[in-house]
Amino acid sequence: MLVVSRQVDEVIMIGDDIEVMVTDIRGDKVRLGISAPKHLAVHRKEVYGAILKERNADSLGQHVADFSNLAPASPPAKET
């Protein structure tokens, strides 16, 4: 684990694409701004845990249909 001291408006880089900026410090609370590529989800840990829990519940309770053995649909007829 990397432990660093940062002041407001200072940034930490994670790889080439993720920036974590200290936007505000009020008492014992630190506000962070996170810039990451859109394909990466960014969540607080408790929210991420809830997402995983919901995914697991869904996977146990629902069957996903497999349509891989079906023939592809015919292309639509051209209008004349």
N, C-alpha and C. Protein backbone atom coordinates (compact mmCIF):
# COMPACT_ATOMS: atom_id res chain seq x y z
N MET A 1 0.84 -1.17 0.00
CA MET A 1 0.00 0.00 0.00
C MET A 1 0.89 1.24 0.00
N LEU A 2 0.56 2.16 -0.90
CA LEU A 2 1.26 3.44 -0.95
C LEU A 2 0.55 4.42 -0.03
N VAL A 3 1.29 5.05 0.86
CA VAL A 3 0.73 6.07 1.75
C VAL A 3 1.47 7.36 1.45
N VAL A 4 0.71 8.41 1.07
CA VAL A 4 1.32 9.69 0.71
C VAL A 4 0.57 10.82 1.39
N SER A 5 1.22 11.94 1.51
CA SER A 5 0.58 13.16 1.97
C SER A 5 0.34 14.05 0.77
N ARG A 6 -0.84 14.59 0.66
CA ARG A 6 -1.21 15.46 -0.45
C ARG A 6 -1.96 16.64 0.11
N GLN A 7 -1.88 17.76 -0.56
CA GLN A 7 -2.65 18.94 -0.20
C GLN A 7 -3.71 19.17 -1.27
N VAL A 8 -4.63 20.10 -1.02
CA VAL A 8 -5.70 20.39 -1.97
C VAL A 8 -5.10 20.71 -3.34
N ASP A 9 -5.71 20.16 -4.37
CA ASP A 9 -5.34 20.31 -5.79
C ASP A 9 -4.10 19.51 -6.18
N GLU A 10 -3.53 18.73 -5.28
CA GLU A 10 -2.42 17.85 -5.66
C GLU A 10 -3.00 16.52 -6.14
N VAL A 11 -2.27 15.88 -7.05
CA VAL A 11 -2.78 14.71 -7.75
C VAL A 11 -1.87 13.51 -7.54
N ILE A 12 -2.49 12.33 -7.51
CA ILE A 12 -1.77 11.06 -7.52
C ILE A 12 -2.16 10.37 -8.82
N MET A 13 -1.20 9.84 -9.55
CA MET A 13 -1.46 9.12 -10.80
C MET A 13 -1.43 7.62 -10.52
N ILE A 14 -2.38 6.90 -11.11
CA ILE A 14 -2.39 5.44 -11.07
C ILE A 14 -2.28 5.00 -12.52
N GLY A 15 -1.14 4.44 -12.86
CA GLY A 15 -0.89 4.11 -14.26
C GLY A 15 -0.85 5.40 -15.07
N ASP A 16 -1.20 5.28 -16.35
CA ASP A 16 -1.19 6.45 -17.23
C ASP A 16 -2.55 7.13 -17.33
N ASP A 17 -3.61 6.46 -16.86
CA ASP A 17 -4.96 6.91 -17.17
C ASP A 17 -5.82 7.36 -15.99
N ILE A 18 -5.38 7.11 -14.77
CA ILE A 18 -6.23 7.40 -13.62
C ILE A 18 -5.57 8.47 -12.75
N GLU A 19 -6.33 9.54 -12.50
CA GLU A 19 -5.86 10.63 -11.63
C GLU A 19 -6.74 10.69 -10.40
N VAL A 20 -6.13 10.84 -9.24
CA VAL A 20 -6.85 11.03 -7.99
C VAL A 20 -6.38 12.37 -7.43
N MET A 21 -7.32 13.33 -7.35
CA MET A 21 -6.98 14.68 -6.88
C MET A 21 -7.66 14.96 -5.55
N VAL A 22 -6.95 15.57 -4.64
CA VAL A 22 -7.53 16.04 -3.38
C VAL A 22 -8.24 17.35 -3.71
N THR A 23 -9.58 17.35 -3.59
CA THR A 23 -10.34 18.54 -3.95
C THR A 23 -10.68 19.41 -2.74
N ASP A 24 -10.75 18.79 -1.56
CA ASP A 24 -11.13 19.56 -0.37
C ASP A 24 -10.75 18.78 0.87
N ILE A 25 -10.40 19.50 1.93
CA ILE A 25 -10.13 18.89 3.24
C ILE A 25 -10.91 19.71 4.26
N ARG A 26 -11.82 19.04 4.98
CA ARG A 26 -12.62 19.70 6.02
C ARG A 26 -12.56 18.83 7.27
N GLY A 27 -11.83 19.28 8.25
CA GLY A 27 -11.69 18.51 9.48
C GLY A 27 -11.05 17.17 9.19
N ASP A 28 -11.76 16.09 9.54
CA ASP A 28 -11.21 14.76 9.32
C ASP A 28 -11.71 14.13 8.02
N LYS A 29 -12.34 14.92 7.14
CA LYS A 29 -12.85 14.42 5.86
C LYS A 29 -12.01 14.96 4.71
N VAL A 30 -11.69 14.06 3.80
CA VAL A 30 -10.94 14.43 2.59
C VAL A 30 -11.84 14.13 1.40
N ARG A 31 -12.00 15.09 0.50
CA ARG A 31 -12.77 14.86 -0.72
C ARG A 31 -11.79 14.62 -1.86
N LEU A 32 -12.07 13.55 -2.60
CA LEU A 32 -11.21 13.18 -3.71
C LEU A 32 -11.98 13.27 -5.01
N GLY A 33 -11.31 13.71 -6.06
CA GLY A 33 -11.86 13.67 -7.40
C GLY A 33 -11.10 12.62 -8.18
N ILE A 34 -11.81 11.74 -8.87
CA ILE A 34 -11.16 10.64 -9.59
C ILE A 34 -11.51 10.75 -11.06
N SER A 35 -10.48 10.83 -11.90
CA SER A 35 -10.65 10.83 -13.35
C SER A 35 -10.11 9.51 -13.87
N ALA A 36 -10.99 8.75 -14.55
CA ALA A 36 -10.61 7.45 -15.08
C ALA A 36 -11.30 7.26 -16.42
N PRO A 37 -10.76 6.39 -17.27
CA PRO A 37 -11.43 6.11 -18.55
C PRO A 37 -12.85 5.60 -18.30
N LYS A 38 -13.75 5.91 -19.24
CA LYS A 38 -15.16 5.55 -19.07
C LYS A 38 -15.38 4.04 -18.97
N HIS A 39 -14.48 3.23 -19.54
CA HIS A 39 -14.68 1.78 -19.47
C HIS A 39 -14.34 1.19 -18.09
N LEU A 40 -13.78 2.01 -17.20
CA LEU A 40 -13.47 1.55 -15.84
C LEU A 40 -14.52 2.09 -14.88
N ALA A 41 -15.15 1.21 -14.14
CA ALA A 41 -16.12 1.64 -13.13
C ALA A 41 -15.35 2.08 -11.89
N VAL A 42 -15.81 3.17 -11.29
CA VAL A 42 -15.21 3.67 -10.05
C VAL A 42 -16.32 3.76 -9.02
N HIS A 43 -16.17 3.02 -7.91
CA HIS A 43 -17.18 2.98 -6.85
C HIS A 43 -16.50 3.06 -5.49
N ARG A 44 -17.25 3.56 -4.49
CA ARG A 44 -16.80 3.41 -3.11
C ARG A 44 -16.85 1.92 -2.79
N LYS A 45 -16.02 1.47 -1.87
CA LYS A 45 -15.92 0.04 -1.59
C LYS A 45 -17.25 -0.55 -1.12
N GLU A 46 -18.01 0.17 -0.29
CA GLU A 46 -19.27 -0.38 0.19
C GLU A 46 -20.29 -0.50 -0.94
N VAL A 47 -20.25 0.40 -1.90
CA VAL A 47 -21.14 0.30 -3.06
C VAL A 47 -20.72 -0.88 -3.94
N TYR A 48 -19.42 -1.03 -4.14
CA TYR A 48 -18.91 -2.15 -4.93
C TYR A 48 -19.30 -3.50 -4.29
N GLY A 49 -19.21 -3.57 -2.99
CA GLY A 49 -19.62 -4.79 -2.28
C GLY A 49 -21.10 -5.09 -2.51
N ALA A 50 -21.94 -4.06 -2.49
CA ALA A 50 -23.38 -4.25 -2.73
C ALA A 50 -23.63 -4.72 -4.16
N ILE A 51 -22.88 -4.18 -5.11
CA ILE A 51 -23.00 -4.59 -6.51
C ILE A 51 -22.64 -6.06 -6.66
N LEU A 52 -21.53 -6.48 -6.05
CA LEU A 52 -21.13 -7.89 -6.11
C LEU A 52 -22.18 -8.80 -5.48
N LYS A 53 -22.72 -8.37 -4.35
CA LYS A 53 -23.74 -9.16 -3.66
C LYS A 53 -24.97 -9.33 -4.55
N GLU A 54 -25.38 -8.26 -5.21
CA GLU A 54 -26.54 -8.32 -6.10
C GLU A 54 -26.26 -9.21 -7.30
N ARG A 55 -25.06 -9.10 -7.87
CA ARG A 55 -24.69 -9.96 -9.00
C ARG A 55 -24.74 -11.44 -8.60
N ASN A 56 -24.22 -11.75 -7.43
CA ASN A 56 -24.24 -13.14 -6.96
C ASN A 56 -25.66 -13.64 -6.75
N ALA A 57 -26.52 -12.80 -6.19
CA ALA A 57 -27.91 -13.19 -5.98
C ALA A 57 -28.61 -13.42 -7.31
N ASP A 58 -28.34 -12.54 -8.27
CA ASP A 58 -28.95 -12.69 -9.60
C ASP A 58 -28.48 -13.96 -10.28
N SER A 59 -27.20 -14.27 -10.16
CA SER A 59 -26.68 -15.45 -10.84
C SER A 59 -27.20 -16.74 -10.21
N LEU A 60 -27.53 -16.71 -8.94
CA LEU A 60 -28.08 -17.89 -8.29
C LEU A 60 -29.56 -18.06 -8.57
N GLY A 61 -30.25 -16.96 -8.80
CA GLY A 61 -31.69 -17.03 -8.93
C GLY A 61 -32.23 -17.01 -10.35
N GLN A 62 -31.39 -16.73 -11.33
CA GLN A 62 -31.88 -16.62 -12.69
C GLN A 62 -31.05 -17.48 -13.62
N HIS A 63 -31.74 -18.10 -14.57
CA HIS A 63 -31.06 -18.89 -15.59
C HIS A 63 -30.91 -18.04 -16.84
N VAL A 64 -29.74 -18.00 -17.40
CA VAL A 64 -29.50 -17.25 -18.63
C VAL A 64 -29.66 -18.19 -19.80
N ALA A 65 -30.54 -17.84 -20.72
CA ALA A 65 -30.80 -18.70 -21.89
C ALA A 65 -29.60 -18.69 -22.83
N ASP A 66 -29.34 -19.84 -23.44
CA ASP A 66 -28.25 -19.97 -24.41
C ASP A 66 -28.87 -20.10 -25.80
N PHE A 67 -28.68 -19.07 -26.61
CA PHE A 67 -29.24 -19.06 -27.96
C PHE A 67 -28.17 -19.30 -29.01
N SER A 68 -27.02 -19.79 -28.63
CA SER A 68 -25.91 -19.95 -29.57
C SER A 68 -26.19 -20.98 -30.65
N ASN A 69 -27.14 -21.92 -30.44
CA ASN A 69 -27.41 -22.96 -31.42
C ASN A 69 -28.47 -22.55 -32.44
N LEU A 70 -29.00 -21.33 -32.33
CA LEU A 70 -30.03 -20.89 -33.28
C LEU A 70 -29.40 -20.35 -34.55
N ALA A 71 -30.10 -20.52 -35.67
CA ALA A 71 -29.62 -20.01 -36.95
C ALA A 71 -29.74 -18.48 -36.93
N PRO A 72 -28.84 -17.80 -37.64
CA PRO A 72 -28.93 -16.34 -37.68
C PRO A 72 -30.20 -15.92 -38.42
N ALA A 73 -30.70 -14.76 -38.08
CA ALA A 73 -31.91 -14.24 -38.72
C ALA A 73 -31.62 -13.87 -40.17
N SER A 74 -32.65 -13.99 -41.01
CA SER A 74 -32.51 -13.58 -42.41
C SER A 74 -32.45 -12.08 -42.48
N PRO A 75 -31.68 -11.55 -43.46
CA PRO A 75 -31.62 -10.09 -43.57
C PRO A 75 -32.98 -9.55 -43.99
N PRO A 76 -33.30 -8.33 -43.60
CA PRO A 76 -34.61 -7.78 -43.94
C PRO A 76 -34.75 -7.61 -45.45
N ALA A 77 -35.98 -7.75 -45.94
CA ALA A 77 -36.23 -7.60 -47.38
C ALA A 77 -36.06 -6.14 -47.76
N LYS A 78 -35.51 -5.90 -48.95
CA LYS A 78 -35.30 -4.53 -49.42
C LYS A 78 -36.62 -3.96 -49.92
N GLU A 79 -36.85 -2.71 -49.59
CA GLU A 79 -38.06 -2.04 -50.07
C GLU A 79 -37.87 -1.64 -51.52
N THR A 80 -38.93 -1.70 -52.29
CA THR A 80 -38.84 -1.31 -53.71
C THR A 80 -39.63 -0.06 -53.98
